[in-house]
Structure formats: C-alpha cells, structure tokens
Amino acid sequence: LHSRYCADNSNWRGPFGDPCVSYAVGGDRQFWCEWDGASAGNACPRACGTCSHAALAEDAKLREERRQMLEAHFDPMEAPPTAKFPMAEYGKAQQLHASANTADAGPEEPKTVQTERADSTALLKEIVAMKKRLQGVEAATKGVEKQLQ
C-alpha cells in the first residue's frame, strides 16, 4: 500500500541516474542510500526505509480509516439492504419522466451539420453509382481479354 505521507519522488535520480527503485531492498544501489542522498525526505524515503515517524503514523492512521470504512459499509456475509419505494411514488415518477420525454425531444441539429450530413449522403450515393459503373467496365474488359485470347 503506497501512502501519500511516505512516498518516493518519481522524478528524483541518483548521481548515476538511478531511480528510487534501485535503492530499495534488493536493488543494486541499496547500500548507497545515505551516500547518494536518496534517504532524504524529498528523494527516496520509502525505498531507503527512512520515512519519518510522523509519516509512518499518518500511514497507519490512513490504513485504519480505510479498514473501518470497509467494515462499516461492506460486509460480504450480509446482503445489501433493499430500498422501500412506494408504488404510488413510482407511478408519479414514471408520469413525470414520460411527460418530460415527450415535451423535449432534445437539442435541434445545427443547420451546418444538417447540410454536411446531406452532402455526405449525396456523395456516398455518387460513389456507389461510380463503383457500379467501374464494375461494369471491369466486366467488359475481362470479356474483351477472353475474346483476344
């Protein structure tokens, strides 16, 4: 779990260009944290294990708050409560929704969009007609090739 109170600076680089990951346990620069300055609070305190006690206390507090939140609002053994909704209210809500939908059909399309859509449709029809003519030319060309052979 990463904490906002004790985190490595992702932009920090050591004297040889090494990121904080290389100063963590098992990294090739693990033993050089202090020498390279990686143990500073604005460098790689998490990787080097030099987080302040205040940051660690805040981190523990944050974890406890999250645990309590999960326990208070989510119990996997218990089904979520169902809401009681009076049917009369449901009918009123449906009527309001239906009247709102019929009264307002939504925004009107701008004239420029309508024109572009009509132009696109006309262009597409021309392309389809041209394709059919080209297919006819192709068929005629193949027929002439067969006669020449």
N, C-alpha and C. Protein backbone atom coordinates (compact mmCIF):
# COMPACT_ATOMS: atom_id res chain seq x y z
N LEU A 1 0.85 -1.19 0.00
CA LEU A 1 0.00 0.00 0.00
C LEU A 1 0.88 1.23 0.00
N HIS A 2 0.76 2.06 -1.02
CA HIS A 2 1.54 3.29 -1.05
C HIS A 2 0.80 4.37 -0.29
N SER A 3 1.54 5.17 0.38
CA SER A 3 0.95 6.22 1.19
C SER A 3 1.32 7.57 0.62
N ARG A 4 0.43 8.51 0.77
CA ARG A 4 0.77 9.86 0.32
C ARG A 4 1.70 10.54 1.31
N TYR A 5 1.83 9.96 2.50
CA TYR A 5 2.67 10.58 3.52
C TYR A 5 4.13 10.13 3.42
N CYS A 6 4.36 8.96 2.89
CA CYS A 6 5.73 8.47 2.74
C CYS A 6 5.85 7.84 1.37
N ALA A 7 6.27 8.64 0.41
CA ALA A 7 6.37 8.16 -0.96
C ALA A 7 7.68 8.61 -1.57
N ASP A 8 8.17 7.81 -2.51
CA ASP A 8 9.39 8.16 -3.23
C ASP A 8 9.06 9.20 -4.30
N ASN A 9 10.01 10.06 -4.56
CA ASN A 9 9.87 11.08 -5.58
C ASN A 9 10.19 10.43 -6.93
N SER A 10 9.19 10.34 -7.80
CA SER A 10 9.39 9.66 -9.08
C SER A 10 10.32 10.42 -10.01
N ASN A 11 10.55 11.70 -9.76
CA ASN A 11 11.44 12.50 -10.61
C ASN A 11 12.88 12.51 -10.12
N TRP A 12 13.13 12.01 -8.91
CA TRP A 12 14.47 12.07 -8.35
C TRP A 12 15.37 11.01 -9.00
N ARG A 13 16.60 11.38 -9.26
CA ARG A 13 17.60 10.45 -9.80
C ARG A 13 18.89 10.60 -8.98
N GLY A 14 19.54 9.47 -8.77
CA GLY A 14 20.82 9.48 -8.05
C GLY A 14 21.93 10.04 -8.91
N PRO A 15 23.16 10.11 -8.37
CA PRO A 15 24.27 10.70 -9.12
C PRO A 15 24.59 9.95 -10.41
N PHE A 16 24.19 8.70 -10.52
CA PHE A 16 24.44 7.93 -11.74
C PHE A 16 23.15 7.72 -12.54
N GLY A 17 22.12 8.52 -12.23
CA GLY A 17 20.86 8.44 -12.96
C GLY A 17 19.92 7.34 -12.49
N ASP A 18 20.19 6.75 -11.33
CA ASP A 18 19.36 5.65 -10.84
C ASP A 18 18.07 6.18 -10.20
N PRO A 19 16.92 5.56 -10.51
CA PRO A 19 15.66 5.95 -9.86
C PRO A 19 15.57 5.33 -8.47
N CYS A 20 14.54 5.70 -7.76
CA CYS A 20 14.35 5.22 -6.39
C CYS A 20 14.25 3.69 -6.30
N VAL A 21 13.75 3.04 -7.31
CA VAL A 21 13.58 1.59 -7.29
C VAL A 21 14.91 0.89 -7.04
N SER A 22 15.98 1.44 -7.57
CA SER A 22 17.29 0.78 -7.41
C SER A 22 17.84 0.92 -5.99
N TYR A 23 17.24 1.80 -5.17
CA TYR A 23 17.70 1.97 -3.79
C TYR A 23 16.89 1.12 -2.81
N ALA A 24 15.83 0.47 -3.30
CA ALA A 24 15.01 -0.37 -2.43
C ALA A 24 15.76 -1.66 -2.10
N VAL A 25 15.22 -2.40 -1.14
CA VAL A 25 15.83 -3.66 -0.75
C VAL A 25 15.92 -4.57 -1.97
N GLY A 26 17.12 -5.07 -2.25
CA GLY A 26 17.34 -5.91 -3.40
C GLY A 26 17.82 -5.15 -4.62
N GLY A 27 17.78 -3.82 -4.56
CA GLY A 27 18.26 -3.00 -5.67
C GLY A 27 19.77 -2.92 -5.68
N ASP A 28 20.35 -2.58 -6.82
CA ASP A 28 21.81 -2.55 -6.91
C ASP A 28 22.43 -1.38 -6.16
N ARG A 29 21.65 -0.38 -5.77
CA ARG A 29 22.19 0.77 -5.03
C ARG A 29 21.69 0.79 -3.59
N GLN A 30 21.15 -0.32 -3.11
CA GLN A 30 20.53 -0.39 -1.78
C GLN A 30 21.43 0.16 -0.67
N PHE A 31 22.70 -0.17 -0.71
CA PHE A 31 23.60 0.21 0.38
C PHE A 31 24.13 1.62 0.24
N TRP A 32 23.75 2.34 -0.81
CA TRP A 32 24.27 3.68 -1.06
C TRP A 32 23.23 4.76 -0.82
N CYS A 33 22.14 4.44 -0.14
CA CYS A 33 21.07 5.40 0.10
C CYS A 33 21.59 6.70 0.72
N GLU A 34 22.29 6.56 1.83
CA GLU A 34 22.76 7.75 2.54
C GLU A 34 23.84 8.47 1.74
N TRP A 35 24.76 7.73 1.18
CA TRP A 35 25.89 8.31 0.44
C TRP A 35 25.42 9.11 -0.78
N ASP A 36 24.44 8.55 -1.50
CA ASP A 36 23.94 9.21 -2.71
C ASP A 36 22.88 10.27 -2.42
N GLY A 37 22.42 10.36 -1.18
CA GLY A 37 21.39 11.34 -0.82
C GLY A 37 19.98 10.85 -1.04
N ALA A 38 19.82 9.58 -1.33
CA ALA A 38 18.50 9.03 -1.61
C ALA A 38 17.65 8.91 -0.35
N SER A 39 18.25 8.90 0.81
CA SER A 39 17.49 8.73 2.04
C SER A 39 16.80 10.01 2.49
N ALA A 40 17.03 11.12 1.79
CA ALA A 40 16.40 12.40 2.15
C ALA A 40 14.88 12.29 1.98
N GLY A 41 14.17 13.10 2.71
CA GLY A 41 12.71 13.08 2.69
C GLY A 41 12.11 13.43 1.34
N ASN A 42 12.84 14.21 0.53
CA ASN A 42 12.31 14.60 -0.78
C ASN A 42 12.88 13.74 -1.91
N ALA A 43 13.55 12.63 -1.56
CA ALA A 43 14.15 11.75 -2.57
C ALA A 43 13.45 10.39 -2.55
N CYS A 44 14.05 9.43 -1.83
CA CYS A 44 13.51 8.06 -1.82
C CYS A 44 13.34 7.51 -0.41
N PRO A 45 12.59 8.19 0.46
CA PRO A 45 12.49 7.71 1.84
C PRO A 45 11.84 6.34 1.96
N ARG A 46 10.90 6.02 1.11
CA ARG A 46 10.23 4.73 1.18
C ARG A 46 11.20 3.61 0.78
N ALA A 47 11.91 3.81 -0.32
CA ALA A 47 12.85 2.79 -0.81
C ALA A 47 13.98 2.57 0.18
N CYS A 48 14.46 3.66 0.77
CA CYS A 48 15.59 3.55 1.71
C CYS A 48 15.15 3.22 3.13
N GLY A 49 13.86 3.25 3.38
CA GLY A 49 13.37 2.94 4.73
C GLY A 49 13.63 4.04 5.71
N THR A 50 13.61 5.29 5.26
CA THR A 50 13.89 6.42 6.15
C THR A 50 12.69 7.33 6.34
N CYS A 51 11.49 6.79 6.21
CA CYS A 51 10.29 7.60 6.41
C CYS A 51 10.26 8.09 7.85
N SER A 52 9.80 9.31 8.04
CA SER A 52 9.75 9.86 9.39
C SER A 52 8.67 9.14 10.19
N HIS A 53 8.77 9.22 11.50
CA HIS A 53 7.78 8.58 12.36
C HIS A 53 6.40 9.20 12.15
N ALA A 54 6.37 10.50 11.90
CA ALA A 54 5.08 11.16 11.68
C ALA A 54 4.42 10.62 10.41
N ALA A 55 5.23 10.43 9.37
CA ALA A 55 4.68 9.90 8.12
C ALA A 55 4.19 8.48 8.30
N LEU A 56 4.94 7.67 9.03
CA LEU A 56 4.51 6.30 9.29
C LEU A 56 3.24 6.26 10.13
N ALA A 57 3.12 7.18 11.10
CA ALA A 57 1.92 7.25 11.93
C ALA A 57 0.71 7.65 11.08
N GLU A 58 0.90 8.61 10.17
CA GLU A 58 -0.18 9.02 9.27
C GLU A 58 -0.58 7.87 8.36
N ASP A 59 0.43 7.12 7.90
CA ASP A 59 0.18 5.97 7.03
C ASP A 59 -0.66 4.92 7.78
N ALA A 60 -0.30 4.63 9.01
CA ALA A 60 -1.05 3.67 9.82
C ALA A 60 -2.47 4.17 10.08
N LYS A 61 -2.60 5.47 10.32
CA LYS A 61 -3.92 6.07 10.56
C LYS A 61 -4.79 5.94 9.31
N LEU A 62 -4.21 6.18 8.15
CA LEU A 62 -4.94 6.07 6.90
C LEU A 62 -5.40 4.63 6.66
N ARG A 63 -4.53 3.66 6.92
CA ARG A 63 -4.90 2.26 6.76
C ARG A 63 -6.04 1.88 7.70
N GLU A 64 -5.99 2.36 8.94
CA GLU A 64 -7.03 2.07 9.91
C GLU A 64 -8.36 2.68 9.49
N GLU A 65 -8.32 3.91 8.96
CA GLU A 65 -9.54 4.56 8.48
C GLU A 65 -10.16 3.76 7.33
N ARG A 66 -9.33 3.30 6.41
CA ARG A 66 -9.83 2.50 5.29
C ARG A 66 -10.43 1.19 5.78
N ARG A 67 -9.78 0.54 6.75
CA ARG A 67 -10.28 -0.71 7.29
C ARG A 67 -11.64 -0.49 7.94
N GLN A 68 -11.77 0.57 8.75
CA GLN A 68 -13.03 0.87 9.41
C GLN A 68 -14.13 1.19 8.40
N MET A 69 -13.75 1.91 7.33
CA MET A 69 -14.72 2.26 6.29
C MET A 69 -15.26 0.99 5.63
N LEU A 70 -14.37 0.06 5.32
CA LEU A 70 -14.79 -1.19 4.70
C LEU A 70 -15.69 -2.00 5.64
N GLU A 71 -15.32 -2.06 6.90
CA GLU A 71 -16.12 -2.82 7.85
C GLU A 71 -17.49 -2.19 8.06
N ALA A 72 -17.54 -0.87 8.08
CA ALA A 72 -18.80 -0.18 8.35
C ALA A 72 -19.75 -0.25 7.15
N HIS A 73 -19.20 -0.26 5.94
CA HIS A 73 -20.06 -0.15 4.76
C HIS A 73 -20.10 -1.39 3.88
N PHE A 74 -19.32 -2.40 4.21
CA PHE A 74 -19.30 -3.57 3.35
C PHE A 74 -19.05 -4.82 4.18
N ASP A 75 -20.06 -5.65 4.24
CA ASP A 75 -19.93 -6.94 4.91
C ASP A 75 -20.31 -8.00 3.89
N PRO A 76 -19.34 -8.77 3.38
CA PRO A 76 -19.64 -9.72 2.32
C PRO A 76 -20.62 -10.82 2.74
N MET A 77 -20.82 -11.01 4.03
CA MET A 77 -21.72 -12.07 4.50
C MET A 77 -23.17 -11.59 4.57
N GLU A 78 -23.39 -10.31 4.37
CA GLU A 78 -24.73 -9.75 4.53
C GLU A 78 -25.17 -9.10 3.23
N ALA A 79 -26.38 -9.40 2.78
CA ALA A 79 -26.90 -8.81 1.55
C ALA A 79 -27.15 -7.33 1.77
N PRO A 80 -26.96 -6.50 0.74
CA PRO A 80 -27.22 -5.07 0.90
C PRO A 80 -28.70 -4.83 1.13
N PRO A 81 -29.04 -3.81 1.92
CA PRO A 81 -30.45 -3.55 2.21
C PRO A 81 -31.17 -3.10 0.94
N THR A 82 -32.43 -3.51 0.82
CA THR A 82 -33.22 -3.08 -0.33
C THR A 82 -34.01 -1.86 0.06
N ALA A 83 -34.14 -0.95 -0.87
CA ALA A 83 -34.86 0.30 -0.60
C ALA A 83 -36.36 0.06 -0.72
N LYS A 84 -37.11 0.63 0.18
CA LYS A 84 -38.57 0.56 0.13
C LYS A 84 -39.04 1.77 -0.66
N PHE A 85 -39.73 1.52 -1.79
CA PHE A 85 -40.19 2.61 -2.63
C PHE A 85 -41.68 2.45 -2.85
N PRO A 86 -42.48 3.39 -2.38
CA PRO A 86 -43.93 3.26 -2.54
C PRO A 86 -44.33 3.24 -4.01
N MET A 87 -45.25 2.35 -4.37
CA MET A 87 -45.67 2.22 -5.76
C MET A 87 -46.35 3.48 -6.27
N ALA A 88 -47.05 4.21 -5.40
CA ALA A 88 -47.70 5.44 -5.84
C ALA A 88 -46.65 6.45 -6.31
N GLU A 89 -45.58 6.55 -5.56
CA GLU A 89 -44.50 7.46 -5.94
C GLU A 89 -43.85 7.01 -7.24
N TYR A 90 -43.75 5.71 -7.42
CA TYR A 90 -43.16 5.17 -8.64
C TYR A 90 -43.99 5.57 -9.86
N GLY A 91 -45.32 5.47 -9.73
CA GLY A 91 -46.22 5.85 -10.83
C GLY A 91 -46.08 7.33 -11.17
N LYS A 92 -45.98 8.18 -10.14
CA LYS A 92 -45.81 9.62 -10.38
C LYS A 92 -44.49 9.89 -11.09
N ALA A 93 -43.46 9.20 -10.67
CA ALA A 93 -42.15 9.40 -11.29
C ALA A 93 -42.18 8.99 -12.75
N GLN A 94 -42.87 7.89 -13.06
CA GLN A 94 -42.98 7.45 -14.46
C GLN A 94 -43.73 8.47 -15.30
N GLN A 95 -44.81 9.02 -14.76
CA GLN A 95 -45.59 10.02 -15.49
C GLN A 95 -44.75 11.26 -15.76
N LEU A 96 -44.02 11.72 -14.75
CA LEU A 96 -43.17 12.89 -14.94
C LEU A 96 -42.12 12.63 -16.00
N HIS A 97 -41.52 11.46 -15.95
CA HIS A 97 -40.48 11.10 -16.92
C HIS A 97 -41.06 11.05 -18.34
N ALA A 98 -42.23 10.46 -18.49
CA ALA A 98 -42.87 10.35 -19.80
C ALA A 98 -43.22 11.73 -20.34
N SER A 99 -43.77 12.61 -19.49
CA SER A 99 -44.14 13.94 -19.97
C SER A 99 -42.90 14.76 -20.32
N ALA A 100 -41.83 14.57 -19.59
CA ALA A 100 -40.60 15.29 -19.88
C ALA A 100 -40.02 14.82 -21.20
N ASN A 101 -40.11 13.53 -21.49
CA ASN A 101 -39.55 13.00 -22.74
C ASN A 101 -40.34 13.44 -23.96
N THR A 102 -41.67 13.55 -23.83
CA THR A 102 -42.46 13.95 -24.99
C THR A 102 -42.36 15.45 -25.22
N ALA A 103 -42.21 16.22 -24.17
CA ALA A 103 -42.16 17.67 -24.31
C ALA A 103 -40.83 18.13 -24.90
N ASP A 104 -39.77 17.45 -24.57
CA ASP A 104 -38.45 17.88 -25.02
C ASP A 104 -37.77 16.74 -25.76
N ALA A 105 -37.68 16.86 -27.07
CA ALA A 105 -37.08 15.81 -27.88
C ALA A 105 -35.57 15.97 -27.97
N GLY A 106 -35.01 16.93 -27.29
CA GLY A 106 -33.57 17.14 -27.32
C GLY A 106 -33.20 18.33 -28.18
N PRO A 107 -31.93 18.66 -28.22
CA PRO A 107 -31.50 19.83 -28.98
C PRO A 107 -31.64 19.59 -30.48
N GLU A 108 -31.88 20.66 -31.19
CA GLU A 108 -32.01 20.57 -32.64
C GLU A 108 -30.63 20.62 -33.27
N GLU A 109 -30.46 19.85 -34.32
CA GLU A 109 -29.18 19.80 -35.01
C GLU A 109 -28.93 21.12 -35.73
N PRO A 110 -27.73 21.68 -35.64
CA PRO A 110 -27.45 22.93 -36.34
C PRO A 110 -27.58 22.75 -37.85
N LYS A 111 -27.91 23.83 -38.54
CA LYS A 111 -28.10 23.78 -40.00
C LYS A 111 -26.83 23.33 -40.71
N THR A 112 -25.65 23.74 -40.23
CA THR A 112 -24.40 23.34 -40.89
C THR A 112 -24.22 21.84 -40.82
N VAL A 113 -24.58 21.23 -39.69
CA VAL A 113 -24.45 19.78 -39.54
C VAL A 113 -25.44 19.09 -40.46
N GLN A 114 -26.67 19.61 -40.55
CA GLN A 114 -27.66 19.03 -41.44
C GLN A 114 -27.19 19.07 -42.89
N THR A 115 -26.60 20.22 -43.28
CA THR A 115 -26.11 20.38 -44.64
C THR A 115 -24.98 19.41 -44.92
N GLU A 116 -24.02 19.32 -43.98
CA GLU A 116 -22.89 18.39 -44.16
C GLU A 116 -23.38 16.95 -44.26
N ARG A 117 -24.37 16.60 -43.46
CA ARG A 117 -24.91 15.24 -43.48
C ARG A 117 -25.56 14.96 -44.84
N ALA A 118 -26.33 15.93 -45.36
CA ALA A 118 -26.98 15.76 -46.66
C ALA A 118 -25.92 15.64 -47.77
N ASP A 119 -24.88 16.49 -47.69
CA ASP A 119 -23.80 16.43 -48.68
C ASP A 119 -23.09 15.08 -48.64
N SER A 120 -22.85 14.58 -47.43
CA SER A 120 -22.18 13.29 -47.27
C SER A 120 -23.03 12.17 -47.86
N THR A 121 -24.33 12.24 -47.64
CA THR A 121 -25.24 11.22 -48.18
C THR A 121 -25.22 11.24 -49.71
N ALA A 122 -25.28 12.45 -50.28
CA ALA A 122 -25.26 12.58 -51.74
C ALA A 122 -23.94 12.06 -52.30
N LEU A 123 -22.84 12.40 -51.64
CA LEU A 123 -21.52 11.95 -52.08
C LEU A 123 -21.42 10.42 -52.02
N LEU A 124 -21.95 9.84 -50.98
CA LEU A 124 -21.92 8.38 -50.84
C LEU A 124 -22.72 7.72 -51.97
N LYS A 125 -23.87 8.30 -52.32
CA LYS A 125 -24.67 7.75 -53.42
C LYS A 125 -23.90 7.84 -54.74
N GLU A 126 -23.18 8.94 -54.95
CA GLU A 126 -22.37 9.09 -56.17
C GLU A 126 -21.26 8.05 -56.22
N ILE A 127 -20.64 7.81 -55.07
CA ILE A 127 -19.54 6.83 -55.01
C ILE A 127 -20.07 5.43 -55.32
N VAL A 128 -21.24 5.08 -54.79
CA VAL A 128 -21.82 3.76 -55.05
C VAL A 128 -22.14 3.61 -56.54
N ALA A 129 -22.70 4.67 -57.15
CA ALA A 129 -23.02 4.62 -58.58
C ALA A 129 -21.74 4.48 -59.41
N MET A 130 -20.69 5.22 -59.03
CA MET A 130 -19.41 5.14 -59.74
C MET A 130 -18.81 3.74 -59.62
N LYS A 131 -18.94 3.15 -58.45
CA LYS A 131 -18.42 1.80 -58.23
C LYS A 131 -19.13 0.81 -59.16
N LYS A 132 -20.44 0.95 -59.29
CA LYS A 132 -21.19 0.06 -60.18
C LYS A 132 -20.72 0.24 -61.63
N ARG A 133 -20.49 1.50 -62.07
CA ARG A 133 -20.01 1.75 -63.43
C ARG A 133 -18.64 1.13 -63.64
N LEU A 134 -17.77 1.26 -62.64
CA LEU A 134 -16.43 0.68 -62.74
C LEU A 134 -16.49 -0.84 -62.81
N GLN A 135 -17.39 -1.44 -62.06
CA GLN A 135 -17.55 -2.89 -62.12
C GLN A 135 -18.02 -3.32 -63.51
N GLY A 136 -18.88 -2.50 -64.12
CA GLY A 136 -19.31 -2.79 -65.49
C GLY A 136 -18.15 -2.70 -66.48
N VAL A 137 -17.30 -1.68 -66.31
CA VAL A 137 -16.12 -1.52 -67.17
C VAL A 137 -15.19 -2.71 -66.98
N GLU A 138 -15.02 -3.15 -65.73
CA GLU A 138 -14.15 -4.30 -65.44
C GLU A 138 -14.69 -5.56 -66.13
N ALA A 139 -15.98 -5.76 -66.06
CA ALA A 139 -16.59 -6.95 -66.69
C ALA A 139 -16.40 -6.89 -68.21
N ALA A 140 -16.59 -5.70 -68.79
CA ALA A 140 -16.41 -5.57 -70.25
C ALA A 140 -14.97 -5.82 -70.63
N THR A 141 -14.03 -5.33 -69.84
CA THR A 141 -12.62 -5.50 -70.12
C THR A 141 -12.24 -6.98 -70.06
N LYS A 142 -12.77 -7.68 -69.08
CA LYS A 142 -12.48 -9.12 -68.96
C LYS A 142 -13.06 -9.87 -70.17
N GLY A 143 -14.24 -9.43 -70.63
CA GLY A 143 -14.84 -10.07 -71.80
C GLY A 143 -13.99 -9.89 -73.06
N VAL A 144 -13.44 -8.67 -73.23
CA VAL A 144 -12.58 -8.38 -74.38
C VAL A 144 -11.29 -9.21 -74.28
N GLU A 145 -10.73 -9.35 -73.08
CA GLU A 145 -9.50 -10.14 -72.89
C GLU A 145 -9.73 -11.59 -73.30
N LYS A 146 -10.90 -12.13 -72.92
CA LYS A 146 -11.20 -13.54 -73.27
C LYS A 146 -11.33 -13.71 -74.79
N GLN A 147 -11.90 -12.71 -75.47
CA GLN A 147 -12.07 -12.81 -76.92
C GLN A 147 -10.71 -12.73 -77.63
N LEU A 148 -9.79 -11.92 -77.04
CA LEU A 148 -8.46 -11.77 -77.65
C LEU A 148 -7.61 -13.02 -77.46
N GLN A 149 -7.86 -13.78 -76.47
CA GLN A 149 -7.03 -14.97 -76.20
C GLN A 149 -7.46 -16.07 -77.03
